[in-house]
Amino acid sequence: MLPHEVISAGPVVLRTPEKSDVDAITRACADPDIARFIPLVPSPYTRDDALMWITELAPGGWEAGGAEFVIAGPGDGEFLGVIGLKPVDRLGNGEIGYWVAPWARGRGVATAAVRALSEWAFAHGLPRLALLAEVENVVSQRVAYAAGFEREGVLRGAQTSRDGSRADVVAFARLATDPGDPVPPFLPFFPGGFPGGSLTDGVVLLTPLTTGDAADYQAVASVPDVVEHHVPPVTPDYAETVARCRHAGHRWLAGQMASIAIRDAETGAFAGDAQLTNIIPPLRQAMVGYSLHPRYRGRGFMTRTVNLLIEWAFDNTSLRRIVAGTAPDNTASHRVLERAGFTREVLVKDLLPGPGGTRVDDLQWARTR
């Protein structure tokens, strides 16, 4: 059994729960994000639920070989959240879980607590710690990176949501032998963070793609000439579109793809989408792709979008080269790239899948710093 200890962690202290925490826990667990991302927390949450956790569930976790702590302020003892270590598995590995009260967010509380509990667990002989975050819980994924955990993959359908559906989970881990240094994102979010960050030139507004954009994204992806130039040239299933939108934040944070909604800056209406994808960090190269609904064409939206996106990438990432590929007959896309400062490089024969099992040439372009 792990020892009951107080763990000092700079801006926070980890201590065992007390009955005096009951009201703060009850108030915190009324938060919709806690209810959304931690389906095992009762909802609605009552004072009796908090008292049961303090007097029965938390002590039971200790007795089973885990640990349950309250995250508190180091001076005044203010309740800030909860963090725990699940009972170790038969191989001696552990898993960390936590939540932070709404009034304590944005202060580095979760990162400090996860880092402190990790060091404490390693000091008591655990060789490996896991941390799991629901795929749309980008905030928790940022905590994992900041606390020195490495992303290992996505566990499909690994968590039951409150409505009974299954949710994908992003798996992180840290070994006792890892340095534990923060893992900085290769692609930072737009100013304002995720999902509220944006770029604009006053005509177009670029925002991160989210689940709320799924229907609009599907409408654009179903336009015949968009489908024609898609790889492969088929209309995506709506379920595929929803999954793409749900995973957009985590893929952005992981440096895999920045998926962007293009909006009319005046109305906020969804006009199309763009991506930075095929990201190759050692080459400092990425590919830009884009689609626009017909009603917004002929107004310079796409050229403005590509310019905004490329300039942001060159100013805020280590990318040095952005490439694009077009069908040789897609003259509208050629004009966009030319106006956005791209140069034609090479024609690659039969590179892309075409309709009916055909192959299509790819005219490749590039813009460098």
Protein backbone atom coordinates (compact mmCIF):
# COMPACT_ATOMS: atom_id res chain seq x y z
CA MET A 1 0.00 0.00 0.00
CA LEU A 2 1.24 3.48 -0.86
CA PRO A 3 1.89 5.78 2.12
CA HIS A 4 -0.53 8.55 3.08
CA GLU A 5 1.62 11.64 2.62
CA VAL A 6 1.27 15.31 1.83
CA ILE A 7 2.99 16.14 -1.45
CA SER A 8 4.21 19.71 -1.93
CA ALA A 9 4.21 20.77 -5.57
CA GLY A 10 5.04 24.45 -5.87
CA PRO A 11 1.73 26.18 -6.57
CA VAL A 12 -0.31 23.30 -5.11
CA VAL A 13 -0.31 20.75 -2.31
CA LEU A 14 -1.68 17.23 -2.61
CA ARG A 15 -3.33 15.97 0.58
CA THR A 16 -5.90 13.37 1.58
CA PRO A 17 -9.57 14.41 1.34
CA GLU A 18 -11.32 15.82 4.39
CA LYS A 19 -14.98 16.24 5.29
CA SER A 20 -14.48 19.99 5.12
CA ASP A 21 -14.04 19.58 1.34
CA VAL A 22 -17.59 18.34 0.80
CA ASP A 23 -19.20 21.63 -0.24
CA ALA A 24 -16.40 22.59 -2.62
CA ILE A 25 -16.48 19.16 -4.25
CA THR A 26 -20.26 19.36 -4.65
CA ARG A 27 -20.03 22.80 -6.26
CA ALA A 28 -17.19 21.78 -8.56
CA CYS A 29 -18.93 18.64 -9.80
CA ALA A 30 -21.89 20.66 -10.99
CA ASP A 31 -19.58 21.84 -13.80
CA PRO A 32 -20.76 20.60 -17.23
CA ASP A 33 -17.23 19.78 -18.44
CA ILE A 34 -16.66 17.45 -15.49
CA ALA A 35 -20.00 15.77 -16.17
CA ARG A 36 -19.17 15.50 -19.88
CA PHE A 37 -15.66 14.10 -19.72
CA ILE A 38 -15.87 12.00 -16.51
CA PRO A 39 -19.01 9.89 -17.03
CA LEU A 40 -18.49 7.94 -13.79
CA VAL A 41 -19.10 11.11 -11.78
CA PRO A 42 -22.81 11.16 -10.83
CA SER A 43 -24.92 13.80 -12.57
CA PRO A 44 -26.61 15.67 -11.04
CA TYR A 45 -24.01 15.60 -8.26
CA THR A 46 -25.17 15.92 -4.67
CA ARG A 47 -23.59 16.62 -1.31
CA ASP A 48 -24.18 12.97 -0.39
CA ASP A 49 -22.14 11.94 -3.45
CA ALA A 50 -19.25 14.11 -2.25
CA LEU A 51 -19.46 12.73 1.26
CA MET A 52 -19.47 9.15 -0.04
CA TRP A 53 -16.33 9.84 -2.09
CA ILE A 54 -14.54 11.34 0.93
CA THR A 55 -15.54 8.66 3.44
CA GLU A 56 -15.80 5.50 1.33
CA LEU A 57 -14.53 5.66 -2.25
CA ALA A 58 -11.27 7.54 -1.62
CA PRO A 59 -10.25 5.33 1.34
CA GLY A 60 -11.20 2.28 -0.73
CA GLY A 61 -8.84 3.43 -3.46
CA TRP A 62 -5.97 3.59 -0.97
CA GLU A 63 -6.79 0.15 0.41
CA ALA A 64 -6.78 -1.32 -3.12
CA GLY A 65 -3.26 -0.04 -3.74
CA GLY A 66 -4.00 3.34 -5.31
CA ALA A 67 -3.98 6.87 -3.96
CA GLU A 68 -6.59 9.66 -3.81
CA PHE A 69 -5.64 13.29 -3.18
CA VAL A 70 -7.26 16.67 -3.03
CA ILE A 71 -5.39 19.40 -4.90
CA ALA A 72 -5.22 22.41 -2.58
CA GLY A 73 -3.64 25.81 -2.39
CA PRO A 74 -0.31 25.74 -0.52
CA GLY A 75 -1.14 28.58 1.85
CA ASP A 76 -4.85 28.91 2.41
CA GLY A 77 -5.67 25.28 1.63
CA GLU A 78 -8.28 26.33 -0.96
CA PHE A 79 -9.86 23.33 -2.66
CA LEU A 80 -8.73 23.28 -6.31
CA GLY A 81 -9.49 19.78 -7.57
CA VAL A 82 -8.90 16.06 -7.22
CA ILE A 83 -6.15 13.79 -8.48
CA GLY A 84 -5.67 10.08 -8.03
CA LEU A 85 -3.59 7.07 -8.88
CA LYS A 86 -5.59 3.97 -9.77
CA PRO A 87 -4.56 0.69 -8.10
CA VAL A 88 -1.53 -0.67 -9.94
CA ASP A 89 -2.08 -3.49 -12.40
CA ARG A 90 -0.48 -6.93 -12.15
CA LEU A 91 2.62 -5.60 -13.92
CA GLY A 92 3.05 -2.75 -11.47
CA ASN A 93 1.88 0.01 -13.82
CA GLY A 94 -0.31 2.90 -12.70
CA GLU A 95 -2.76 5.35 -14.22
CA ILE A 96 -3.39 8.95 -13.22
CA GLY A 97 -6.79 10.63 -13.32
CA TYR A 98 -7.75 14.11 -12.19
CA TRP A 99 -10.16 17.02 -12.47
CA VAL A 100 -9.81 20.69 -11.61
CA ALA A 101 -12.53 22.92 -10.18
CA PRO A 102 -13.81 25.59 -12.60
CA TRP A 103 -12.52 28.41 -10.39
CA ALA A 104 -8.97 27.02 -10.43
CA ARG A 105 -8.49 26.53 -14.18
CA GLY A 106 -5.94 28.39 -16.24
CA ARG A 107 -3.45 28.59 -13.35
CA GLY A 108 -1.27 25.54 -14.12
CA VAL A 109 -2.89 23.60 -11.28
CA ALA A 110 -3.43 20.36 -13.22
CA THR A 111 0.06 20.31 -14.73
CA ALA A 112 1.72 20.89 -11.35
CA ALA A 113 -0.42 18.21 -9.71
CA VAL A 114 0.15 15.59 -12.44
CA ARG A 115 3.88 16.24 -12.45
CA ALA A 116 4.10 16.01 -8.64
CA LEU A 117 2.04 12.82 -8.39
CA SER A 118 4.10 11.26 -11.19
CA GLU A 119 7.39 11.95 -9.41
CA TRP A 120 5.95 10.64 -6.16
CA ALA A 121 4.72 7.43 -7.82
CA PHE A 122 8.08 6.85 -9.50
CA ALA A 123 9.85 7.41 -6.18
CA HIS A 124 7.69 4.62 -4.74
CA GLY A 125 8.72 2.15 -7.40
CA LEU A 126 6.13 2.42 -10.18
CA PRO A 127 7.80 1.92 -13.59
CA ARG A 128 5.11 3.41 -15.83
CA LEU A 129 2.15 5.77 -15.59
CA ALA A 130 -0.69 6.15 -18.07
CA LEU A 131 -2.95 9.13 -18.56
CA LEU A 132 -6.09 8.85 -20.70
CA ALA A 133 -8.10 11.77 -22.10
CA GLU A 134 -11.31 11.69 -24.13
CA VAL A 135 -10.51 12.68 -27.72
CA GLU A 136 -12.39 15.99 -27.49
CA ASN A 137 -10.86 16.88 -24.12
CA VAL A 138 -8.04 18.94 -25.61
CA VAL A 139 -7.35 20.75 -22.32
CA SER A 140 -6.50 17.48 -20.57
CA GLN A 141 -4.30 16.44 -23.48
CA ARG A 142 -2.36 19.70 -23.15
CA VAL A 143 -1.82 18.92 -19.48
CA ALA A 144 -0.40 15.50 -20.38
CA TYR A 145 2.12 17.02 -22.79
CA ALA A 146 3.06 19.75 -20.31
CA ALA A 147 3.63 17.16 -17.57
CA GLY A 148 6.10 15.21 -19.74
CA PHE A 149 3.81 12.44 -20.96
CA GLU A 150 4.17 11.12 -24.50
CA ARG A 151 1.21 10.45 -26.75
CA GLU A 152 1.01 6.76 -27.66
CA GLY A 153 -2.13 6.57 -29.76
CA VAL A 154 -5.91 6.53 -29.79
CA LEU A 155 -7.95 3.80 -28.09
CA ARG A 156 -11.06 3.46 -30.22
CA GLY A 157 -14.34 3.29 -28.32
CA ALA A 158 -12.50 2.79 -25.04
CA GLN A 159 -14.82 4.92 -22.89
CA THR A 160 -18.55 4.84 -22.31
CA SER A 161 -20.13 8.27 -22.58
CA ARG A 162 -22.95 9.38 -20.34
CA ASP A 163 -25.49 8.77 -23.13
CA GLY A 164 -24.30 5.17 -23.54
CA SER A 165 -22.29 5.75 -26.72
CA ARG A 166 -18.62 4.87 -26.98
CA ALA A 167 -15.92 7.54 -27.13
CA ASP A 168 -12.35 7.38 -28.41
CA VAL A 169 -9.61 8.07 -25.88
CA VAL A 170 -6.11 9.46 -26.41
CA ALA A 171 -3.49 7.43 -24.52
CA PHE A 172 -0.42 9.04 -22.96
CA ALA A 173 2.30 7.48 -20.84
CA ARG A 174 5.42 8.43 -18.93
CA LEU A 175 8.11 6.00 -17.83
CA ALA A 176 10.20 6.34 -14.70
CA THR A 177 13.23 6.63 -16.98
CA ASP A 178 11.76 9.45 -19.10
CA PRO A 179 13.18 12.93 -18.52
CA GLY A 180 9.69 14.32 -17.96
CA ASP A 181 10.36 17.52 -19.89
CA PRO A 182 7.29 19.32 -21.27
CA VAL A 183 6.46 18.30 -24.83
CA PRO A 184 5.86 21.53 -26.81
CA PRO A 185 3.29 21.35 -29.62
CA PHE A 186 4.73 21.42 -33.12
CA LEU A 187 1.60 23.31 -34.22
CA PRO A 188 0.45 25.95 -31.74
CA PHE A 189 -3.22 26.86 -31.77
CA PHE A 190 -4.45 30.11 -33.30
CA PRO A 191 -4.40 33.15 -30.98
CA GLY A 192 -7.07 32.53 -28.36
CA GLY A 193 -6.44 28.79 -28.10
CA PHE A 194 -8.74 25.88 -28.90
CA PRO A 195 -11.54 26.03 -29.86
CA GLY A 196 -11.96 29.81 -29.60
CA GLY A 197 -8.83 30.94 -31.44
CA SER A 198 -8.96 32.53 -34.87
CA LEU A 199 -7.18 34.34 -37.69
CA THR A 200 -8.84 37.06 -39.76
CA ASP A 201 -8.08 39.74 -42.29
CA GLY A 202 -11.53 41.29 -41.92
CA VAL A 203 -12.96 39.42 -44.92
CA VAL A 204 -12.35 35.78 -44.02
CA LEU A 205 -12.26 34.30 -40.52
CA LEU A 206 -10.35 31.07 -39.86
CA THR A 207 -11.27 29.00 -36.80
CA PRO A 208 -10.41 25.44 -35.72
CA LEU A 209 -12.81 22.83 -37.07
CA THR A 210 -15.04 21.41 -34.31
CA THR A 211 -17.85 18.90 -33.98
CA GLY A 212 -20.35 21.71 -34.44
CA ASP A 213 -19.09 22.18 -38.01
CA ALA A 214 -19.84 18.62 -39.13
CA ALA A 215 -23.03 19.34 -41.08
CA ASP A 216 -21.51 22.35 -42.88
CA TYR A 217 -18.32 20.43 -43.64
CA GLN A 218 -20.36 17.57 -45.11
CA ALA A 219 -22.30 19.99 -47.31
CA VAL A 220 -19.07 21.35 -48.82
CA ALA A 221 -17.54 17.88 -49.15
CA SER A 222 -20.61 16.78 -51.13
CA VAL A 223 -20.34 19.47 -53.84
CA PRO A 224 -19.61 17.60 -57.11
CA ASP A 225 -16.47 19.49 -58.14
CA VAL A 226 -15.13 19.22 -54.57
CA VAL A 227 -15.66 15.47 -54.67
CA GLU A 228 -13.98 15.33 -58.08
CA HIS A 229 -10.74 16.74 -56.69
CA HIS A 230 -10.87 14.93 -53.35
CA VAL A 231 -8.40 12.11 -52.63
CA PRO A 232 -10.00 9.63 -53.17
CA PRO A 233 -12.78 11.22 -55.29
CA VAL A 234 -15.74 10.08 -53.16
CA THR A 235 -18.19 11.83 -50.84
CA PRO A 236 -17.29 11.00 -47.23
CA ASP A 237 -19.81 9.19 -45.05
CA TYR A 238 -21.36 11.55 -42.51
CA ALA A 239 -20.02 9.37 -39.68
CA GLU A 240 -16.53 9.86 -41.12
CA THR A 241 -17.09 13.62 -41.19
CA VAL A 242 -18.24 13.67 -37.56
CA ALA A 243 -15.18 11.67 -36.52
CA ARG A 244 -12.91 14.03 -38.45
CA CYS A 245 -14.41 17.04 -36.67
CA ARG A 246 -14.32 15.36 -33.24
CA HIS A 247 -10.66 14.45 -33.66
CA ALA A 248 -9.60 17.81 -35.11
CA GLY A 249 -8.37 19.36 -31.86
CA HIS A 250 -6.36 16.35 -30.76
CA ARG A 251 -4.76 15.93 -34.21
CA TRP A 252 -3.82 19.61 -34.23
CA LEU A 253 -2.26 19.35 -30.77
CA ALA A 254 -0.43 16.16 -31.79
CA GLY A 255 1.09 17.96 -34.79
CA GLN A 256 -0.67 15.71 -37.31
CA MET A 257 -3.08 18.12 -39.01
CA ALA A 258 -4.52 21.60 -38.54
CA SER A 259 -8.15 21.40 -39.71
CA ILE A 260 -9.73 24.80 -40.23
CA ALA A 261 -13.18 26.21 -40.89
CA ILE A 262 -13.26 29.11 -43.35
CA ARG A 263 -15.95 31.64 -42.41
CA ASP A 264 -17.33 34.86 -43.75
CA ALA A 265 -15.85 37.37 -41.29
CA GLU A 266 -18.96 39.56 -41.47
CA THR A 267 -21.57 36.88 -40.78
CA GLY A 268 -19.57 33.99 -39.30
CA ALA A 269 -21.16 31.64 -41.82
CA PHE A 270 -19.24 28.49 -42.79
CA ALA A 271 -17.79 28.99 -46.28
CA GLY A 272 -15.37 26.08 -46.63
CA ASP A 273 -12.46 24.30 -45.04
CA ALA A 274 -8.67 24.22 -45.21
CA GLN A 275 -5.98 21.98 -43.77
CA LEU A 276 -2.30 21.87 -43.03
CA THR A 277 -1.58 18.16 -43.36
CA ASN A 278 1.12 15.66 -44.38
CA ILE A 279 3.33 17.37 -41.81
CA ILE A 280 6.94 16.13 -41.83
CA PRO A 281 8.79 17.77 -38.91
CA PRO A 282 12.34 16.67 -39.94
CA LEU A 283 11.79 18.31 -43.35
CA ARG A 284 9.91 21.27 -41.84
CA GLN A 285 7.32 20.69 -44.55
CA ALA A 286 3.53 20.53 -44.66
CA MET A 287 0.83 20.39 -47.34
CA VAL A 288 -2.07 22.83 -47.67
CA GLY A 289 -5.47 21.74 -48.95
CA TYR A 290 -8.79 23.58 -49.24
CA SER A 291 -12.40 23.49 -50.44
CA LEU A 292 -14.93 26.31 -50.84
CA HIS A 293 -18.70 26.25 -51.19
CA PRO A 294 -19.82 27.60 -54.61
CA ARG A 295 -21.78 30.48 -53.08
CA TYR A 296 -18.53 32.00 -51.74
CA ARG A 297 -16.45 31.63 -54.86
CA GLY A 298 -15.24 34.56 -56.94
CA ARG A 299 -14.76 36.79 -53.88
CA GLY A 300 -11.10 36.06 -53.13
CA PHE A 301 -11.92 33.98 -50.04
CA MET A 302 -9.56 31.16 -50.85
CA THR A 303 -6.54 33.29 -51.73
CA ARG A 304 -7.04 35.23 -48.49
CA THR A 305 -7.37 31.96 -46.57
CA VAL A 306 -4.18 30.44 -47.99
CA ASN A 307 -2.21 33.63 -47.38
CA LEU A 308 -3.44 33.93 -43.78
CA LEU A 309 -2.70 30.29 -43.05
CA ILE A 310 0.77 30.22 -44.63
CA GLU A 311 1.87 33.46 -43.00
CA TRP A 312 0.66 32.19 -39.62
CA ALA A 313 2.57 28.92 -40.15
CA PHE A 314 5.80 30.67 -41.10
CA ASP A 315 5.50 33.12 -38.17
CA ASN A 316 4.53 30.60 -35.48
CA THR A 317 6.03 27.22 -36.41
CA SER A 318 9.36 25.90 -37.67
CA LEU A 319 7.80 24.99 -41.03
CA ARG A 320 9.90 26.28 -43.91
CA ARG A 321 8.10 24.80 -46.90
CA ILE A 322 4.38 24.45 -47.70
CA VAL A 323 3.42 22.31 -50.69
CA ALA A 324 0.16 21.80 -52.57
CA GLY A 325 -1.06 19.40 -55.23
CA THR A 326 -3.65 20.06 -57.92
CA ALA A 327 -5.14 18.29 -60.91
CA PRO A 328 -3.65 19.73 -64.12
CA ASP A 329 -7.10 20.92 -65.25
CA ASN A 330 -8.04 22.58 -61.93
CA THR A 331 -7.26 26.09 -63.14
CA ALA A 332 -9.21 27.78 -60.33
CA SER A 333 -6.94 26.18 -57.76
CA HIS A 334 -3.89 27.11 -59.85
CA ARG A 335 -4.92 30.77 -59.72
CA VAL A 336 -5.35 30.62 -55.94
CA LEU A 337 -1.86 29.23 -55.45
CA GLU A 338 -0.25 31.68 -57.87
CA ARG A 339 -1.87 34.64 -56.13
CA ALA A 340 -0.76 33.20 -52.75
CA GLY A 341 2.90 33.14 -53.82
CA PHE A 342 3.28 29.47 -54.73
CA THR A 343 5.55 28.30 -57.56
CA ARG A 344 4.91 25.32 -59.86
CA GLU A 345 7.50 22.62 -59.28
CA VAL A 346 6.76 19.33 -61.02
CA LEU A 347 4.08 17.23 -62.73
CA VAL A 348 3.87 13.72 -61.26
CA LYS A 349 2.21 11.26 -63.62
CA ASP A 350 -0.62 8.98 -62.38
CA LEU A 351 -0.05 9.84 -58.72
CA LEU A 352 -3.65 10.22 -57.55
CA PRO A 353 -6.68 7.91 -57.61
CA GLY A 354 -9.32 9.12 -60.05
CA PRO A 355 -12.96 8.18 -60.67
CA GLY A 356 -13.76 4.68 -61.88
CA GLY A 357 -10.34 3.26 -61.02
CA THR A 358 -8.46 5.75 -63.19
CA ARG A 359 -5.27 7.56 -62.21
CA VAL A 360 -4.78 11.32 -62.24
CA ASP A 361 -1.63 13.40 -62.68
CA ASP A 362 -0.64 15.73 -59.82
CA LEU A 363 0.70 19.21 -60.52
CA GLN A 364 2.76 20.12 -57.45
CA TRP A 365 3.43 23.58 -56.05
CA ALA A 366 5.46 25.04 -53.18
CA ARG A 367 5.91 28.21 -51.16
CA THR A 368 8.96 28.63 -48.92
CA ARG A 369 9.98 31.15 -46.30
